[in-house]
Amino acid sequence: MVERSLVREVHGGLLKDKQFIQGFIADNYMDIQAARLMTINAAEKVADNDPQARTAISTIKVFVPAAYHRVVDRAIQVWGGARVSNDLPLGRMYLAARVLGWLTGPTRSTGF
């Protein structure tokens, strides 16, 4: 997504200079970092036999699939017309994000 924003020109400028795209990149960074840190935190709790480990695991089971879906969705929007062609993995990733939400079991509505 970042690479695409560095080379794609629209309306007289690069995507990287568009505030909306900068927001997408920042939102993706936050979703990815939050998912990573939540996973590390849950792993540490499991390793320490912390009684809160189950809660941490349940939390990532809800958050990570939803975050993955949001990240892929934003990337698809930045890529435009090429987004779901066979040239890019984004179409498969979008489907995988949806399926991942199902595989983790019943959760509250995640918006997708």
PDB file of N, CA and C in Angstrom:
ATOM      1  N   MET A   1       0.822  -1.178   0.000  1.00  0.00           N
ATOM      2  CA  MET A   1       0.000   0.000   0.000  1.00  0.00           C
ATOM      3  C   MET A   1       0.873   1.251   0.000  1.00  0.00           C
ATOM      4  N   VAL A   2       1.891   1.258   0.833  1.00  0.00           N
ATOM      5  CA  VAL A   2       2.788   2.409   0.891  1.00  0.00           C
ATOM      6  C   VAL A   2       3.528   2.549  -0.434  1.00  0.00           C
ATOM      7  N   GLU A   3       4.024   1.434  -0.972  1.00  0.00           N
ATOM      8  CA  GLU A   3       4.734   1.493  -2.252  1.00  0.00           C
ATOM      9  C   GLU A   3       3.846   2.070  -3.347  1.00  0.00           C
ATOM     10  N   ARG A   4       2.601   1.641  -3.377  1.00  0.00           N
ATOM     11  CA  ARG A   4       1.667   2.146  -4.380  1.00  0.00           C
ATOM     12  C   ARG A   4       1.476   3.653  -4.221  1.00  0.00           C
ATOM     13  N   SER A   5       1.377   4.126  -3.001  1.00  0.00           N
ATOM     14  CA  SER A   5       1.153   5.553  -2.766  1.00  0.00           C
ATOM     15  C   SER A   5       2.360   6.389  -3.189  1.00  0.00           C
ATOM     16  N   LEU A   6       3.529   5.785  -3.244  1.00  0.00           N
ATOM     17  CA  LEU A   6       4.735   6.515  -3.634  1.00  0.00           C
ATOM     18  C   LEU A   6       4.859   6.721  -5.136  1.00  0.00           C
ATOM     19  N   VAL A   7       4.166   5.893  -5.935  1.00  0.00           N
ATOM     20  CA  VAL A   7       4.322   5.968  -7.397  1.00  0.00           C
ATOM     21  C   VAL A   7       3.051   6.347  -8.152  1.00  0.00           C
ATOM     22  N   ARG A   8       1.903   6.166  -7.566  1.00  0.00           N
ATOM     23  CA  ARG A   8       0.629   6.411  -8.258  1.00  0.00           C
ATOM     24  C   ARG A   8       0.263   7.894  -8.226  1.00  0.00           C
ATOM     25  N   GLU A   9       0.084   8.464  -9.427  1.00  0.00           N
ATOM     26  CA  GLU A   9      -0.320   9.862  -9.529  1.00  0.00           C
ATOM     27  C   GLU A   9      -1.815   9.961  -9.797  1.00  0.00           C
ATOM     28  N   VAL A  10      -2.475  10.840  -9.068  1.00  0.00           N
ATOM     29  CA  VAL A  10      -3.892  11.128  -9.271  1.00  0.00           C
ATOM     30  C   VAL A  10      -4.129  12.618  -9.060  1.00  0.00           C
ATOM     31  N   HIS A  11      -4.946  13.189  -9.891  1.00  0.00           N
ATOM     32  CA  HIS A  11      -5.332  14.592  -9.748  1.00  0.00           C
ATOM     33  C   HIS A  11      -4.132  15.513  -9.523  1.00  0.00           C
ATOM     34  N   GLY A  12      -3.085  15.321 -10.326  1.00  0.00           N
ATOM     35  CA  GLY A  12      -1.944  16.214 -10.279  1.00  0.00           C
ATOM     36  C   GLY A  12      -0.960  15.995  -9.158  1.00  0.00           C
ATOM     37  N   GLY A  13      -1.034  14.870  -8.467  1.00  0.00           N
ATOM     38  CA  GLY A  13      -0.076  14.606  -7.391  1.00  0.00           C
ATOM     39  C   GLY A  13      -0.024  13.142  -7.035  1.00  0.00           C
ATOM     40  N   LEU A  14       0.966  12.780  -6.268  1.00  0.00           N
ATOM     41  CA  LEU A  14       1.112  11.395  -5.824  1.00  0.00           C
ATOM     42  C   LEU A  14       0.106  11.082  -4.717  1.00  0.00           C
ATOM     43  N   LEU A  15      -0.297   9.828  -4.659  1.00  0.00           N
ATOM     44  CA  LEU A  15      -1.217   9.406  -3.603  1.00  0.00           C
ATOM     45  C   LEU A  15      -0.648   9.690  -2.215  1.00  0.00           C
ATOM     46  N   LYS A  16       0.661   9.564  -2.068  1.00  0.00           N
ATOM     47  CA  LYS A  16       1.292   9.756  -0.758  1.00  0.00           C
ATOM     48  C   LYS A  16       1.060  11.155  -0.199  1.00  0.00           C
ATOM     49  N   ASP A  17       0.775  12.095  -1.066  1.00  0.00           N
ATOM     50  CA  ASP A  17       0.560  13.472  -0.633  1.00  0.00           C
ATOM     51  C   ASP A  17      -0.897  13.777  -0.284  1.00  0.00           C
ATOM     52  N   LYS A  18      -1.760  12.818  -0.489  1.00  0.00           N
ATOM     53  CA  LYS A  18      -3.185  13.004  -0.200  1.00  0.00           C
ATOM     54  C   LYS A  18      -3.450  12.654   1.264  1.00  0.00           C
ATOM     55  N   GLN A  19      -4.080  13.558   1.973  1.00  0.00           N
ATOM     56  CA  GLN A  19      -4.304  13.371   3.407  1.00  0.00           C
ATOM     57  C   GLN A  19      -5.123  12.114   3.695  1.00  0.00           C
ATOM     58  N   PHE A  20      -6.079  11.828   2.845  1.00  0.00           N
ATOM     59  CA  PHE A  20      -6.917  10.644   3.048  1.00  0.00           C
ATOM     60  C   PHE A  20      -6.069   9.371   3.014  1.00  0.00           C
ATOM     61  N   ILE A  21      -5.138   9.292   2.069  1.00  0.00           N
ATOM     62  CA  ILE A  21      -4.256   8.130   1.950  1.00  0.00           C
ATOM     63  C   ILE A  21      -3.307   8.067   3.141  1.00  0.00           C
ATOM     64  N   GLN A  22      -2.796   9.204   3.569  1.00  0.00           N
ATOM     65  CA  GLN A  22      -1.946   9.242   4.751  1.00  0.00           C
ATOM     66  C   GLN A  22      -2.703   8.698   5.965  1.00  0.00           C
ATOM     67  N   GLY A  23      -3.981   9.026   6.052  1.00  0.00           N
ATOM     68  CA  GLY A  23      -4.819   8.504   7.131  1.00  0.00           C
ATOM     69  C   GLY A  23      -4.977   6.998   7.039  1.00  0.00           C
ATOM     70  N   PHE A  24      -5.160   6.477   5.813  1.00  0.00           N
ATOM     71  CA  PHE A  24      -5.252   5.025   5.618  1.00  0.00           C
ATOM     72  C   PHE A  24      -3.981   4.338   6.099  1.00  0.00           C
ATOM     73  N   ILE A  25      -2.844   4.897   5.727  1.00  0.00           N
ATOM     74  CA  ILE A  25      -1.564   4.300   6.102  1.00  0.00           C
ATOM     75  C   ILE A  25      -1.408   4.320   7.622  1.00  0.00           C
ATOM     76  N   ALA A  26      -1.745   5.432   8.238  1.00  0.00           N
ATOM     77  CA  ALA A  26      -1.651   5.542   9.703  1.00  0.00           C
ATOM     78  C   ALA A  26      -2.609   4.565  10.384  1.00  0.00           C
ATOM     79  N   ASP A  27      -3.831   4.466   9.879  1.00  0.00           N
ATOM     80  CA  ASP A  27      -4.801   3.535  10.464  1.00  0.00           C
ATOM     81  C   ASP A  27      -4.314   2.089  10.336  1.00  0.00           C
ATOM     82  N   ASN A  28      -3.744   1.746   9.176  1.00  0.00           N
ATOM     83  CA  ASN A  28      -3.218   0.395   9.003  1.00  0.00           C
ATOM     84  C   ASN A  28      -2.071   0.126   9.964  1.00  0.00           C
ATOM     85  N   TYR A  29      -1.193   1.093  10.120  1.00  0.00           N
ATOM     86  CA  TYR A  29      -0.078   0.932  11.053  1.00  0.00           C
ATOM     87  C   TYR A  29      -0.600   0.683  12.465  1.00  0.00           C
ATOM     88  N   MET A  30      -1.591   1.456  12.875  1.00  0.00           N
ATOM     89  CA  MET A  30      -2.143   1.285  14.225  1.00  0.00           C
ATOM     90  C   MET A  30      -2.814  -0.070  14.397  1.00  0.00           C
ATOM     91  N   ASP A  31      -3.587  -0.510  13.389  1.00  0.00           N
ATOM     92  CA  ASP A  31      -4.235  -1.821  13.476  1.00  0.00           C
ATOM     93  C   ASP A  31      -3.198  -2.940  13.566  1.00  0.00           C
ATOM     94  N   ILE A  32      -2.162  -2.870  12.744  1.00  0.00           N
ATOM     95  CA  ILE A  32      -1.131  -3.916  12.738  1.00  0.00           C
ATOM     96  C   ILE A  32      -0.372  -3.924  14.057  1.00  0.00           C
ATOM     97  N   GLN A  33       0.026  -2.756  14.532  1.00  0.00           N
ATOM     98  CA  GLN A  33       0.764  -2.690  15.791  1.00  0.00           C
ATOM     99  C   GLN A  33      -0.090  -3.165  16.968  1.00  0.00           C
ATOM    100  N   ALA A  34      -1.344  -2.765  16.996  1.00  0.00           N
ATOM    101  CA  ALA A  34      -2.228  -3.196  18.077  1.00  0.00           C
ATOM    102  C   ALA A  34      -2.389  -4.720  18.060  1.00  0.00           C
ATOM    103  N   ALA A  35      -2.570  -5.305  16.879  1.00  0.00           N
ATOM    104  CA  ALA A  35      -2.710  -6.757  16.772  1.00  0.00           C
ATOM    105  C   ALA A  35      -1.440  -7.462  17.252  1.00  0.00           C
ATOM    106  N   ARG A  36      -0.286  -6.943  16.849  1.00  0.00           N
ATOM    107  CA  ARG A  36       0.986  -7.540  17.278  1.00  0.00           C
ATOM    108  C   ARG A  36       1.144  -7.479  18.793  1.00  0.00           C
ATOM    109  N   LEU A  37       0.916  -6.301  19.352  1.00  0.00           N
ATOM    110  CA  LEU A  37       1.114  -6.136  20.789  1.00  0.00           C
ATOM    111  C   LEU A  37       0.123  -6.948  21.605  1.00  0.00           C
ATOM    112  N   MET A  38      -1.120  -7.031  21.131  1.00  0.00           N
ATOM    113  CA  MET A  38      -2.104  -7.850  21.835  1.00  0.00           C
ATOM    114  C   MET A  38      -1.703  -9.325  21.809  1.00  0.00           C
ATOM    115  N   THR A  39      -1.160  -9.759  20.683  1.00  0.00           N
ATOM    116  CA  THR A  39      -0.728 -11.156  20.552  1.00  0.00           C
ATOM    117  C   THR A  39       0.462 -11.441  21.454  1.00  0.00           C
ATOM    118  N   ILE A  40       1.428 -10.538  21.480  1.00  0.00           N
ATOM    119  CA  ILE A  40       2.587 -10.706  22.364  1.00  0.00           C
ATOM    120  C   ILE A  40       2.138 -10.738  23.820  1.00  0.00           C
ATOM    121  N   ASN A  41       1.230  -9.840  24.177  1.00  0.00           N
ATOM    122  CA  ASN A  41       0.719  -9.788  25.549  1.00  0.00           C
ATOM    123  C   ASN A  41       0.031 -11.097  25.927  1.00  0.00           C
ATOM    124  N   ALA A  42      -0.785 -11.636  25.022  1.00  0.00           N
ATOM    125  CA  ALA A  42      -1.471 -12.900  25.300  1.00  0.00           C
ATOM    126  C   ALA A  42      -0.464 -14.037  25.440  1.00  0.00           C
ATOM    127  N   ALA A  43       0.553 -14.060  24.592  1.00  0.00           N
ATOM    128  CA  ALA A  43       1.572 -15.113  24.658  1.00  0.00           C
ATOM    129  C   ALA A  43       2.330 -15.054  25.987  1.00  0.00           C
ATOM    130  N   GLU A  44       2.632 -13.836  26.426  1.00  0.00           N
ATOM    131  CA  GLU A  44       3.321 -13.693  27.712  1.00  0.00           C
ATOM    132  C   GLU A  44       2.454 -14.196  28.861  1.00  0.00           C
ATOM    133  N   LYS A  45       1.166 -13.897  28.803  1.00  0.00           N
ATOM    134  CA  LYS A  45       0.258 -14.366  29.851  1.00  0.00           C
ATOM    135  C   LYS A  45       0.175 -15.888  29.860  1.00  0.00           C
ATOM    136  N   VAL A  46       0.131 -16.490  28.689  1.00  0.00           N
ATOM    137  CA  VAL A  46       0.100 -17.950  28.601  1.00  0.00           C
ATOM    138  C   VAL A  46       1.391 -18.524  29.189  1.00  0.00           C
ATOM    139  N   ALA A  47       2.523 -17.957  28.793  1.00  0.00           N
ATOM    140  CA  ALA A  47       3.818 -18.443  29.277  1.00  0.00           C
ATOM    141  C   ALA A  47       3.943 -18.324  30.799  1.00  0.00           C
ATOM    142  N   ASP A  48       3.317 -17.293  31.367  1.00  0.00           N
ATOM    143  CA  ASP A  48       3.377 -17.066  32.818  1.00  0.00           C
ATOM    144  C   ASP A  48       2.255 -17.760  33.582  1.00  0.00           C
ATOM    145  N   ASN A  49       1.431 -18.540  32.886  1.00  0.00           N
ATOM    146  CA  ASN A  49       0.261 -19.178  33.499  1.00  0.00           C
ATOM    147  C   ASN A  49      -0.634 -18.165  34.201  1.00  0.00           C
ATOM    148  N   ASP A  50      -0.726 -16.999  33.624  1.00  0.00           N
ATOM    149  CA  ASP A  50      -1.564 -15.928  34.165  1.00  0.00           C
ATOM    150  C   ASP A  50      -3.036 -16.303  33.987  1.00  0.00           C
ATOM    151  N   PRO A  51      -3.857 -16.164  35.002  1.00  0.00           N
ATOM    152  CA  PRO A  51      -5.276 -16.500  34.866  1.00  0.00           C
ATOM    153  C   PRO A  51      -6.013 -15.610  33.862  1.00  0.00           C
ATOM    154  N   GLN A  52      -5.429 -14.476  33.509  1.00  0.00           N
ATOM    155  CA  GLN A  52      -6.045 -13.584  32.519  1.00  0.00           C
ATOM    156  C   GLN A  52      -5.700 -13.971  31.073  1.00  0.00           C
ATOM    157  N   ALA A  53      -4.968 -15.056  30.887  1.00  0.00           N
ATOM    158  CA  ALA A  53      -4.562 -15.482  29.546  1.00  0.00           C
ATOM    159  C   ALA A  53      -5.771 -15.762  28.648  1.00  0.00           C
ATOM    160  N   ARG A  54      -6.775 -16.412  29.206  1.00  0.00           N
ATOM    161  CA  ARG A  54      -7.960 -16.739  28.396  1.00  0.00           C
ATOM    162  C   ARG A  54      -8.655 -15.481  27.908  1.00  0.00           C
ATOM    163  N   THR A  55      -8.712 -14.466  28.758  1.00  0.00           N
ATOM    164  CA  THR A  55      -9.334 -13.199  28.354  1.00  0.00           C
ATOM    165  C   THR A  55      -8.522 -12.553  27.247  1.00  0.00           C
ATOM    166  N   ALA A  56      -7.196 -12.555  27.385  1.00  0.00           N
ATOM    167  CA  ALA A  56      -6.330 -11.970  26.357  1.00  0.00           C
ATOM    168  C   ALA A  56      -6.481 -12.710  25.028  1.00  0.00           C
ATOM    169  N   ILE A  57      -6.559 -14.029  25.075  1.00  0.00           N
ATOM    170  CA  ILE A  57      -6.740 -14.825  23.856  1.00  0.00           C
ATOM    171  C   ILE A  57      -8.082 -14.524  23.217  1.00  0.00           C
ATOM    172  N   SER A  58      -9.124 -14.469  24.027  1.00  0.00           N
ATOM    173  CA  SER A  58     -10.455 -14.154  23.498  1.00  0.00           C
ATOM    174  C   SER A  58     -10.477 -12.782  22.841  1.00  0.00           C
ATOM    175  N   THR A  59      -9.770 -11.848  23.429  1.00  0.00           N
ATOM    176  CA  THR A  59      -9.718 -10.498  22.876  1.00  0.00           C
ATOM    177  C   THR A  59      -9.066 -10.494  21.502  1.00  0.00           C
ATOM    178  N   ILE A  60      -7.948 -11.185  21.342  1.00  0.00           N
ATOM    179  CA  ILE A  60      -7.303 -11.184  20.030  1.00  0.00           C
ATOM    180  C   ILE A  60      -8.112 -11.977  19.006  1.00  0.00           C
ATOM    181  N   LYS A  61      -8.876 -12.963  19.465  1.00  0.00           N
ATOM    182  CA  LYS A  61      -9.732 -13.706  18.536  1.00  0.00           C
ATOM    183  C   LYS A  61     -10.798 -12.814  17.912  1.00  0.00           C
ATOM    184  N   VAL A  62     -11.179 -11.770  18.607  1.00  0.00           N
ATOM    185  CA  VAL A  62     -12.155 -10.820  18.067  1.00  0.00           C
ATOM    186  C   VAL A  62     -11.441  -9.709  17.300  1.00  0.00           C
ATOM    187  N   PHE A  63     -10.380  -9.161  17.890  1.00  0.00           N
ATOM    188  CA  PHE A  63      -9.746  -7.974  17.315  1.00  0.00           C
ATOM    189  C   PHE A  63      -8.961  -8.268  16.040  1.00  0.00           C
ATOM    190  N   VAL A  64      -8.145  -9.313  16.035  1.00  0.00           N
ATOM    191  CA  VAL A  64      -7.228  -9.545  14.919  1.00  0.00           C
ATOM    192  C   VAL A  64      -7.959  -9.791  13.593  1.00  0.00           C
ATOM    193  N   PRO A  65      -8.966 -10.652  13.520  1.00  0.00           N
ATOM    194  CA  PRO A  65      -9.649 -10.799  12.230  1.00  0.00           C
ATOM    195  C   PRO A  65     -10.274  -9.491  11.731  1.00  0.00           C
ATOM    196  N   ALA A  66     -10.843  -8.713  12.631  1.00  0.00           N
ATOM    197  CA  ALA A  66     -11.447  -7.439  12.230  1.00  0.00           C
ATOM    198  C   ALA A  66     -10.377  -6.461  11.765  1.00  0.00           C
ATOM    199  N   ALA A  67      -9.247  -6.422  12.460  1.00  0.00           N
ATOM    200  CA  ALA A  67      -8.148  -5.532  12.064  1.00  0.00           C
ATOM    201  C   ALA A  67      -7.586  -5.951  10.709  1.00  0.00           C
ATOM    202  N   TYR A  68      -7.409  -7.249  10.515  1.00  0.00           N
ATOM    203  CA  TYR A  68      -6.914  -7.773   9.238  1.00  0.00           C
ATOM    204  C   TYR A  68      -7.846  -7.359   8.101  1.00  0.00           C
ATOM    205  N   HIS A  69      -9.120  -7.502   8.318  1.00  0.00           N
ATOM    206  CA  HIS A  69     -10.108  -7.115   7.315  1.00  0.00           C
ATOM    207  C   HIS A  69      -9.989  -5.627   6.990  1.00  0.00           C
ATOM    208  N   ARG A  70      -9.875  -4.785   7.999  1.00  0.00           N
ATOM    209  CA  ARG A  70      -9.760  -3.338   7.774  1.00  0.00           C
ATOM    210  C   ARG A  70      -8.486  -2.987   7.010  1.00  0.00           C
ATOM    211  N   VAL A  71      -7.380  -3.626   7.374  1.00  0.00           N
ATOM    212  CA  VAL A  71      -6.097  -3.354   6.713  1.00  0.00           C
ATOM    213  C   VAL A  71      -6.174  -3.724   5.234  1.00  0.00           C
ATOM    214  N   VAL A  72      -6.680  -4.907   4.942  1.00  0.00           N
ATOM    215  CA  VAL A  72      -6.786  -5.349   3.549  1.00  0.00           C
ATOM    216  C   VAL A  72      -7.760  -4.464   2.776  1.00  0.00           C
ATOM    217  N   ASP A  73      -8.868  -4.099   3.384  1.00  0.00           N
ATOM    218  CA  ASP A  73      -9.850  -3.244   2.721  1.00  0.00           C
ATOM    219  C   ASP A  73      -9.233  -1.897   2.335  1.00  0.00           C
ATOM    220  N   ARG A  74      -8.468  -1.302   3.233  1.00  0.00           N
ATOM    221  CA  ARG A  74      -7.818  -0.026   2.926  1.00  0.00           C
ATOM    222  C   ARG A  74      -6.802  -0.192   1.795  1.00  0.00           C
ATOM    223  N   ALA A  75      -6.045  -1.285   1.827  1.00  0.00           N
ATOM    224  CA  ALA A  75      -5.059  -1.538   0.772  1.00  0.00           C
ATOM    225  C   ALA A  75      -5.746  -1.684  -0.585  1.00  0.00           C
ATOM    226  N   ILE A  76      -6.866  -2.374  -0.610  1.00  0.00           N
ATOM    227  CA  ILE A  76      -7.625  -2.536  -1.845  1.00  0.00           C
ATOM    228  C   ILE A  76      -8.051  -1.173  -2.378  1.00  0.00           C
ATOM    229  N   GLN A  77      -8.496  -0.299  -1.518  1.00  0.00           N
ATOM    230  CA  GLN A  77      -8.932   1.032  -1.956  1.00  0.00           C
ATOM    231  C   GLN A  77      -7.768   1.838  -2.526  1.00  0.00           C
ATOM    232  N   VAL A  78      -6.587   1.717  -1.938  1.00  0.00           N
ATOM    233  CA  VAL A  78      -5.426   2.455  -2.442  1.00  0.00           C
ATOM    234  C   VAL A  78      -4.984   1.914  -3.797  1.00  0.00           C
ATOM    235  N   TRP A  79      -5.092   0.620  -4.004  1.00  0.00           N
ATOM    236  CA  TRP A  79      -4.655   0.026  -5.258  1.00  0.00           C
ATOM    237  C   TRP A  79      -5.611   0.295  -6.409  1.00  0.00           C
ATOM    238  N   GLY A  80      -6.824   0.717  -6.136  1.00  0.00           N
ATOM    239  CA  GLY A  80      -7.735   1.077  -7.214  1.00  0.00           C
ATOM    240  C   GLY A  80      -8.083  -0.086  -8.112  1.00  0.00           C
ATOM    241  N   GLY A  81      -8.010   0.123  -9.436  1.00  0.00           N
ATOM    242  CA  GLY A  81      -8.445  -0.860 -10.422  1.00  0.00           C
ATOM    243  C   GLY A  81      -7.704  -2.179 -10.382  1.00  0.00           C
ATOM    244  N   ALA A  82      -6.469  -2.172  -9.913  1.00  0.00           N
ATOM    245  CA  ALA A  82      -5.677  -3.409  -9.867  1.00  0.00           C
ATOM    246  C   ALA A  82      -5.983  -4.249  -8.640  1.00  0.00           C
ATOM    247  N   ARG A  83      -6.819  -3.738  -7.760  1.00  0.00           N
ATOM    248  CA  ARG A  83      -6.987  -4.297  -6.422  1.00  0.00           C
ATOM    249  C   ARG A  83      -7.335  -5.768  -6.331  1.00  0.00           C
ATOM    250  N   VAL A  84      -8.196  -6.265  -7.165  1.00  0.00           N
ATOM    251  CA  VAL A  84      -8.597  -7.659  -7.010  1.00  0.00           C
ATOM    252  C   VAL A  84      -8.246  -8.505  -8.231  1.00  0.00           C
ATOM    253  N   SER A  85      -7.318  -8.019  -9.044  1.00  0.00           N
ATOM    254  CA  SER A  85      -6.859  -8.821 -10.174  1.00  0.00           C
ATOM    255  C   SER A  85      -6.006  -9.974  -9.642  1.00  0.00           C
ATOM    256  N   ASN A  86      -5.715 -10.906 -10.518  1.00  0.00           N
ATOM    257  CA  ASN A  86      -4.863 -12.027 -10.119  1.00  0.00           C
ATOM    258  C   ASN A  86      -3.405 -11.606  -9.970  1.00  0.00           C
ATOM    259  N   ASP A  87      -3.081 -10.367 -10.349  1.00  0.00           N
ATOM    260  CA  ASP A  87      -1.709  -9.873 -10.228  1.00  0.00           C
ATOM    261  C   ASP A  87      -1.341  -9.548  -8.787  1.00  0.00           C
ATOM    262  N   LEU A  88      -2.326  -9.318  -7.954  1.00  0.00           N
ATOM    263  CA  LEU A  88      -2.082  -8.961  -6.557  1.00  0.00           C
ATOM    264  C   LEU A  88      -2.766  -9.970  -5.639  1.00  0.00           C
ATOM    265  N   PRO A  89      -2.235 -10.153  -4.438  1.00  0.00           N
ATOM    266  CA  PRO A  89      -2.848 -11.105  -3.508  1.00  0.00           C
ATOM    267  C   PRO A  89      -4.036 -10.522  -2.741  1.00  0.00           C
ATOM    268  N   LEU A  90      -4.407  -9.272  -3.007  1.00  0.00           N
ATOM    269  CA  LEU A  90      -5.408  -8.607  -2.182  1.00  0.00           C
ATOM    270  C   LEU A  90      -6.777  -9.269  -2.210  1.00  0.00           C
ATOM    271  N   GLY A  91      -7.199  -9.766  -3.357  1.00  0.00           N
ATOM    272  CA  GLY A  91      -8.492 -10.444  -3.440  1.00  0.00           C
ATOM    273  C   GLY A  91      -8.544 -11.670  -2.549  1.00  0.00           C
ATOM    274  N   ARG A  92      -7.481 -12.470  -2.608  1.00  0.00           N
ATOM    275  CA  ARG A  92      -7.399 -13.672  -1.759  1.00  0.00           C
ATOM    276  C   ARG A  92      -7.302 -13.285  -0.284  1.00  0.00           C
ATOM    277  N   MET A  93      -6.566 -12.212  -0.003  1.00  0.00           N
ATOM    278  CA  MET A  93      -6.422 -11.765   1.381  1.00  0.00           C
ATOM    279  C   MET A  93      -7.762 -11.278   1.935  1.00  0.00           C
ATOM    280  N   TYR A  94      -8.544 -10.615   1.096  1.00  0.00           N
ATOM    281  CA  TYR A  94      -9.851 -10.123   1.532  1.00  0.00           C
ATOM    282  C   TYR A  94     -10.759 -11.292   1.902  1.00  0.00           C
ATOM    283  N   LEU A  95     -10.749 -12.312   1.053  1.00  0.00           N
ATOM    284  CA  LEU A  95     -11.540 -13.512   1.340  1.00  0.00           C
ATOM    285  C   LEU A  95     -11.024 -14.205   2.607  1.00  0.00           C
ATOM    286  N   ALA A  96      -9.706 -14.300   2.736  1.00  0.00           N
ATOM    287  CA  ALA A  96      -9.118 -14.934   3.926  1.00  0.00           C
ATOM    288  C   ALA A  96      -9.486 -14.168   5.190  1.00  0.00           C
ATOM    289  N   ALA A  97      -9.537 -12.847   5.097  1.00  0.00           N
ATOM    290  CA  ALA A  97      -9.901 -12.036   6.264  1.00  0.00           C
ATOM    291  C   ALA A  97     -11.321 -12.359   6.701  1.00  0.00           C
ATOM    292  N   ARG A  98     -12.190 -12.518   5.757  1.00  0.00           N
ATOM    293  CA  ARG A  98     -13.585 -12.834   6.078  1.00  0.00           C
ATOM    294  C   ARG A  98     -13.693 -14.217   6.703  1.00  0.00           C
ATOM    295  N   VAL A  99     -13.010 -15.174   6.113  1.00  0.00           N
ATOM    296  CA  VAL A  99     -13.051 -16.546   6.619  1.00  0.00           C
ATOM    297  C   VAL A  99     -12.407 -16.633   8.002  1.00  0.00           C
ATOM    298  N   LEU A 100     -11.323 -15.901   8.224  1.00  0.00           N
ATOM    299  CA  LEU A 100     -10.659 -15.905   9.527  1.00  0.00           C
ATOM    300  C   LEU A 100     -11.629 -15.495  10.628  1.00  0.00           C
ATOM    301  N   GLY A 101     -12.483 -14.547  10.332  1.00  0.00           N
ATOM    302  CA  GLY A 101     -13.492 -14.137  11.302  1.00  0.00           C
ATOM    303  C   GLY A 101     -14.431 -15.269  11.674  1.00  0.00           C
ATOM    304  N   TRP A 102     -14.741 -16.121  10.720  1.00  0.00           N
ATOM    305  CA  TRP A 102     -15.621 -17.258  10.989  1.00  0.00           C
ATOM    306  C   TRP A 102     -14.896 -18.343  11.776  1.00  0.00           C
ATOM    307  N   LEU A 103     -13.633 -18.557  11.459  1.00  0.00           N
ATOM    308  CA  LEU A 103     -12.884 -19.657  12.065  1.00  0.00           C
ATOM    309  C   LEU A 103     -12.628 -19.472  13.547  1.00  0.00           C
ATOM    310  N   THR A 104     -12.600 -18.236  13.989  1.00  0.00           N
ATOM    311  CA  THR A 104     -12.293 -17.983  15.399  1.00  0.00           C
ATOM    312  C   THR A 104     -13.506 -18.179  16.299  1.00  0.00           C
ATOM    313  N   GLY A 105     -14.625 -18.535  15.708  1.00  0.00           N
ATOM    314  CA  GLY A 105     -15.814 -18.804  16.497  1.00  0.00           C
ATOM    315  C   GLY A 105     -16.726 -17.591  16.579  1.00  0.00           C
ATOM    316  N   PRO A 106     -17.821 -17.738  17.283  1.00  0.00           N
ATOM    317  CA  PRO A 106     -18.777 -16.646  17.367  1.00  0.00           C
ATOM    318  C   PRO A 106     -18.174 -15.447  18.098  1.00  0.00           C
ATOM    319  N   THR A 107     -18.390 -14.291  17.526  1.00  0.00           N
ATOM    320  CA  THR A 107     -17.928 -13.037  18.135  1.00  0.00           C
ATOM    321  C   THR A 107     -19.020 -12.009  17.973  1.00  0.00           C
ATOM    322  N   ARG A 108     -18.801 -10.883  18.596  1.00  0.00           N
ATOM    323  CA  ARG A 108     -19.743  -9.805  18.385  1.00  0.00           C
ATOM    324  C   ARG A 108     -19.587  -9.294  16.960  1.00  0.00           C
ATOM    325  N   SER A 109     -20.506  -8.495  16.499  1.00  0.00           N
ATOM    326  CA  SER A 109     -20.418  -7.956  15.151  1.00  0.00           C
ATOM    327  C   SER A 109     -19.149  -7.142  14.998  1.00  0.00           C
ATOM    328  N   THR A 110     -18.389  -7.419  13.941  1.00  0.00           N
ATOM    329  CA  THR A 110     -17.132  -6.708  13.717  1.00  0.00           C
ATOM    330  C   THR A 110     -17.235  -5.760  12.531  1.00  0.00           C
ATOM    331  N   GLY A 111     -18.427  -5.585  12.006  1.00  0.00           N
ATOM    332  CA  GLY A 111     -18.599  -4.637  10.931  1.00  0.00           C
ATOM    333  C   GLY A 111     -18.370  -5.210   9.552  1.00  0.00           C
ATOM    334  N   PHE A 112     -18.155  -6.534   9.453  1.00  0.00           N
ATOM    335  CA  PHE A 112     -18.023  -7.111   8.116  1.00  0.00           C
ATOM    336  C   PHE A 112     -18.705  -8.433   8.045  1.00  0.00           C
TER     337      PHE A 112
END
